[in-house]
């Protein structure tokens, strides 16, 4: 599979969990950035709060800038997770035969 292939998100239970965790983090970053921008905008109405407002904008911008990095890290994490078929194929190449897990063999 390749980076940003949507099938990586649902390969197995572990990959679905990884995807969900990153989505929660991504959403929290969005809320944080939006809150900082809203707070900075409100602070700009008071001249004495102009400097903290600017810092809110800078921090909000950093959070927005971190979103593509989070996406890339998530995709690399999902790609590294691999599918169960990929893991089984790799194990077979090295001569490992998994024990019968209760499924009937043909």
Protein backbone atom coordinates (compact mmCIF):
# COMPACT_ATOMS: atom_id res chain seq x y z
CA UNK A 1 0.00 0.00 0.00
CA UNK A 2 1.06 3.61 -0.53
CA UNK A 3 0.97 6.73 1.60
CA UNK A 4 -2.47 8.38 1.76
CA UNK A 5 -4.20 5.22 0.51
CA UNK A 6 -7.56 5.19 2.28
CA UNK A 7 -7.47 1.40 2.56
CA UNK A 8 -4.64 1.74 5.12
CA UNK A 9 -7.19 3.10 7.62
CA UNK A 10 -9.23 -0.10 7.74
CA UNK A 11 -6.71 -2.90 7.27
CA UNK A 12 -7.23 -4.29 10.74
CA UNK A 13 -8.38 -3.37 14.23
CA UNK A 14 -5.05 -1.78 15.11
CA UNK A 15 -5.02 0.46 12.02
CA UNK A 16 -8.59 1.62 12.75
CA UNK A 17 -7.52 2.50 16.28
CA UNK A 18 -4.43 4.40 15.04
CA UNK A 19 -6.60 6.34 12.60
CA UNK A 20 -9.15 7.21 15.30
CA UNK A 21 -6.48 8.43 17.73
CA UNK A 22 -4.93 10.70 15.11
CA UNK A 23 -8.36 12.04 14.16
CA UNK A 24 -9.01 12.96 17.80
CA UNK A 25 -5.64 14.73 18.00
CA UNK A 26 -6.31 16.47 14.69
CA UNK A 27 -9.70 17.68 15.94
CA UNK A 28 -8.19 18.95 19.21
CA UNK A 29 -5.57 20.89 17.23
CA UNK A 30 -8.38 22.41 15.14
CA UNK A 31 -10.32 23.45 18.24
CA UNK A 32 -7.16 24.86 19.84
CA UNK A 33 -6.27 26.90 16.78
CA UNK A 34 -9.84 28.18 16.37
CA UNK A 35 -10.02 29.12 20.06
CA UNK A 36 -6.74 31.01 19.88
CA UNK A 37 -7.86 32.90 16.78
CA UNK A 38 -11.23 33.74 18.32
CA UNK A 39 -9.60 34.82 21.59
CA UNK A 40 -7.03 36.91 19.71
CA UNK A 41 -9.77 38.56 17.68
CA UNK A 42 -11.72 39.48 20.81
CA UNK A 43 -8.56 40.77 22.54
CA UNK A 44 -7.86 43.07 19.61
CA UNK A 45 -10.85 45.20 20.64
CA UNK A 46 -8.86 46.33 23.71
CA UNK A 47 -5.67 48.22 22.86
CA UNK A 48 -3.96 47.04 26.07
CA UNK A 49 -4.40 43.38 24.97
CA UNK A 50 -2.89 43.85 21.52
CA UNK A 51 0.37 41.98 22.31
CA UNK A 52 -1.33 38.91 23.85
CA UNK A 53 -3.73 38.92 20.88
CA UNK A 54 -0.80 38.78 18.48
CA UNK A 55 0.62 35.83 20.43
CA UNK A 56 -2.74 34.07 20.18
CA UNK A 57 -2.61 34.49 16.40
CA UNK A 58 0.97 33.20 16.25
CA UNK A 59 0.17 30.14 18.40
CA UNK A 60 -3.04 29.49 16.44
CA UNK A 61 -1.04 29.67 13.22
CA UNK A 62 1.46 27.16 14.59
CA UNK A 63 -1.38 24.78 15.41
CA UNK A 64 -2.82 25.15 11.92
CA UNK A 65 0.65 24.60 10.45
CA UNK A 66 1.06 21.39 12.48
CA UNK A 67 -1.98 19.76 10.81
CA UNK A 68 -0.21 18.59 7.62
CA UNK A 69 2.62 17.24 9.77
CA UNK A 70 0.12 15.27 11.86
CA UNK A 71 -1.43 13.85 8.69
CA UNK A 72 1.93 12.74 7.35
CA UNK A 73 2.92 11.14 10.68
CA UNK A 74 -0.46 9.34 10.78
CA UNK A 75 -0.02 8.00 7.26
CA UNK A 76 3.53 6.78 7.96
CA UNK A 77 2.27 5.13 11.15
CA UNK A 78 -0.55 3.42 9.24
CA UNK A 79 1.79 2.33 6.46
CA UNK A 80 4.23 0.90 9.01
CA UNK A 81 1.35 -1.01 10.61
CA UNK A 82 0.80 -3.05 7.44
CA UNK A 83 -2.02 -5.43 6.69
CA UNK A 84 -2.43 -8.86 8.22
CA UNK A 85 -1.96 -10.36 4.76
CA UNK A 86 1.33 -8.48 4.35
CA UNK A 87 2.52 -9.75 7.72
CA UNK A 88 1.44 -13.33 6.91
CA UNK A 89 3.19 -13.19 3.53
CA UNK A 90 6.38 -11.91 5.14
CA UNK A 91 6.20 -14.61 7.82
CA UNK A 92 5.69 -17.29 5.15
CA UNK A 93 8.78 -16.08 3.28
CA UNK A 94 10.79 -16.79 6.40
CA UNK A 95 9.23 -20.22 6.89
CA UNK A 96 6.90 -19.37 9.76
CA UNK A 97 3.63 -21.27 9.72
CA UNK A 98 1.09 -19.76 12.14
CA UNK A 99 -0.69 -22.16 14.48
CA UNK A 100 -4.25 -23.15 13.64
CA UNK A 101 -6.47 -20.59 15.37
CA UNK A 102 -9.58 -22.73 15.33
CA UNK A 103 -10.39 -22.18 11.67
CA UNK A 104 -10.83 -25.23 9.54
CA UNK A 105 -8.24 -25.78 6.88
CA UNK A 106 -9.03 -27.03 3.40
